[in-house]
Protein backbone atom coordinates (compact mmCIF):
# COMPACT_ATOMS: atom_id res chain seq x y z
CA ALA A 1 -0.03 0.05 0.07
CA THR A 2 2.85 2.24 0.81
CA LYS A 3 4.38 2.24 -2.90
CA ARG A 4 0.86 2.88 -4.25
CA THR A 5 0.52 6.02 -1.94
CA VAL A 6 3.93 7.28 -3.03
CA LEU A 7 2.93 6.77 -6.89
CA TRP A 8 -0.39 8.49 -6.19
CA ASP A 9 1.26 11.33 -4.53
CA MET A 10 3.55 11.76 -7.34
CA LEU A 11 0.83 11.70 -10.03
CA GLN A 12 -1.03 14.38 -7.97
CA LYS A 13 1.83 16.66 -7.79
CA GLN A 14 2.35 16.20 -11.57
CA ASP A 15 -1.43 16.94 -12.02
CA LEU A 16 -1.07 20.13 -10.12
CA TYR A 17 1.77 21.41 -12.37
CA TYR A 18 -0.15 20.55 -15.55
CA THR A 19 -3.23 22.09 -14.35
CA ARG A 20 -1.41 25.24 -13.43
CA PHE A 21 0.33 25.23 -16.87
CA ARG A 22 -3.18 24.77 -18.67
CA MET A 23 -4.72 27.72 -16.70
CA LEU A 24 -1.65 29.77 -17.98
CA ASP A 25 -1.84 28.44 -21.46
CA PHE A 26 -5.61 28.94 -21.63
CA THR A 27 -5.29 32.66 -20.59
CA THR A 28 -2.74 33.36 -23.29
CA GLU A 29 -4.06 31.18 -26.22
CA THR A 30 -6.00 32.97 -29.20
CA ASP A 31 -6.10 30.30 -31.81
CA PHE A 32 -8.96 28.13 -30.60
CA SER A 33 -9.75 26.82 -34.18
CA ARG A 34 -6.25 25.14 -34.09
CA ILE A 35 -7.09 23.42 -30.68
CA ILE A 36 -10.48 22.29 -32.10
CA LYS A 37 -8.82 20.68 -35.13
CA GLU A 38 -6.24 18.94 -32.90
CA HIS A 39 -8.99 17.48 -30.75
CA LYS A 40 -10.80 16.48 -33.89
CA ARG A 41 -7.82 14.57 -35.19
CA LEU A 42 -7.20 13.11 -31.81
CA LEU A 43 -10.67 11.73 -31.58
CA ASN A 44 -10.32 10.42 -35.12
CA CYS A 45 -7.18 8.46 -34.24
CA ILE A 46 -8.98 7.13 -31.08
CA GLU A 47 -12.22 6.07 -33.09
CA GLN A 48 -9.81 4.35 -35.73
CA LYS A 49 -7.62 2.80 -32.71
CA ASP A 50 -4.53 4.36 -34.45
CA PHE A 51 -2.16 4.15 -31.33
CA LYS A 52 0.60 5.64 -33.10
CA GLY A 53 -1.29 8.44 -34.40
CA ILE A 54 -2.73 9.09 -31.09
CA GLU A 55 1.05 9.45 -29.79
CA GLU A 56 1.96 11.61 -32.54
CA GLU A 57 -1.14 13.96 -32.29
CA LEU A 58 -0.89 14.16 -28.49
CA LYS A 59 2.87 15.07 -28.65
CA GLU A 60 2.04 17.78 -31.05
CA HIS A 61 -0.73 19.04 -29.04
CA LEU A 62 0.92 19.12 -25.84
CA TYR A 63 4.30 20.56 -26.85
CA TYR A 64 2.83 23.24 -29.12
CA SER A 65 1.75 25.11 -26.05
CA MET A 66 5.10 24.57 -24.44
CA LYS A 67 6.89 25.89 -27.24
CA ARG A 68 4.57 28.84 -27.61
CA MET A 69 4.96 29.51 -23.93
CA ARG A 70 8.63 28.90 -23.34
CA HIS A 71 9.44 32.50 -22.79
CA GLN A 72 6.62 33.21 -20.35
CA ILE A 73 7.37 30.05 -18.38
CA ASP A 74 10.99 30.70 -18.16
CA VAL A 75 10.72 34.40 -17.27
CA GLU A 76 7.17 35.84 -16.61
CA TYR A 77 5.71 32.92 -15.03
CA ARG A 78 8.86 31.38 -13.37
CA GLU A 79 7.40 31.71 -9.93
CA TYR A 80 4.52 29.36 -10.74
CA PHE A 81 6.76 26.48 -11.67
CA GLU A 82 9.17 24.46 -9.21
CA GLU A 83 11.94 22.67 -11.14
CA GLU A 84 13.01 19.44 -9.44
CA PRO A 85 16.58 19.30 -9.07
CA ASP A 86 17.11 15.73 -10.24
CA GLU A 87 14.91 16.29 -13.58
CA GLY A 88 16.48 19.45 -15.06
CA LYS A 89 15.07 21.31 -17.89
CA PHE A 90 13.67 19.54 -20.86
CA ASP A 91 14.25 20.67 -24.50
CA ILE A 92 11.43 21.94 -26.50
């Protein structure tokens, strides 16, 4: 039970960071038609059981916002995020 608790806590912590990022992203995003198209492509991949396509679409969908917001995350919103010492920065 202890290992499950540790895993659950870790997932919850990541969810907090992701939720924080999503809220910041939502306030700065202006191209909602792009988001709708991405979601339609994802849904199509799910309906077709195209697992490789799902992975590719998800990566593009999730990383697009990170690429777009890189400067804001590093400079303007830095205080909203905590960098784990053993994780380091990721390349976008």
